[in-house]
Amino acid sequence: GMAANRVEGSWLLFGELGMHRNTPVMPLESEDFIRAEGWQERNRVLGVLGVEYNGFSNTLLSFEVDNIYTRGDISNLGIERHQTSFGTRMYWTGWNERVQFLSVFNKLANDQGYLTRLSVDYDWSDNWKFGLLWVDYSADRKSFYSAFRNNDMLQLNARFSFQN
């Protein structure tokens, strides 16, 4: 594989390209998912192009597009030859880095759904930290990921450290 990065002022442009040889490919057809002989193997080329921007105070914004190209015969796998997904992220810190906010959105390949994650963490003191986390899974009933669609989560947490 190979990777390249370029920084221009507040911008980071990045890309990666790699090949996985004889990789088991998860079929999207449910009847092919459980096979005694395992999943079929194919050579796959994986790539990502992305951009990050940190020109705002205490804020990082990023966007990336991912693609998986599957080589060989895919007719019985129920997948597209090109599987494209994308993700966005926003990270912000404030109040002398005592508050952190993270927002992530990922659209899964093959229109299989999306994942949204929001979290806020507050460092109240050296010992006490509080947080809020919300995760939303969304998938169509025909999607392989539909089993996860009702696993949305809202979590409040408090952490105490005995070390200073």
Foldseek 3Di string as FASTA:
>chain_A
DDKDWDDDPQKIKIKDKDKDFFDFDQAFDVVQRDDPVGGGTFIKMKMKIKMWGDPDPQKIKMKMKIWIATDDDCPPRNFDRIWIKMKIKMWGADDVRQKIWIWMKIQGTPNQWIKIKIKIKGNPDPFKIKMWIWIATDGDPSHPCPVCRPVTDIDIDMGGDPDD
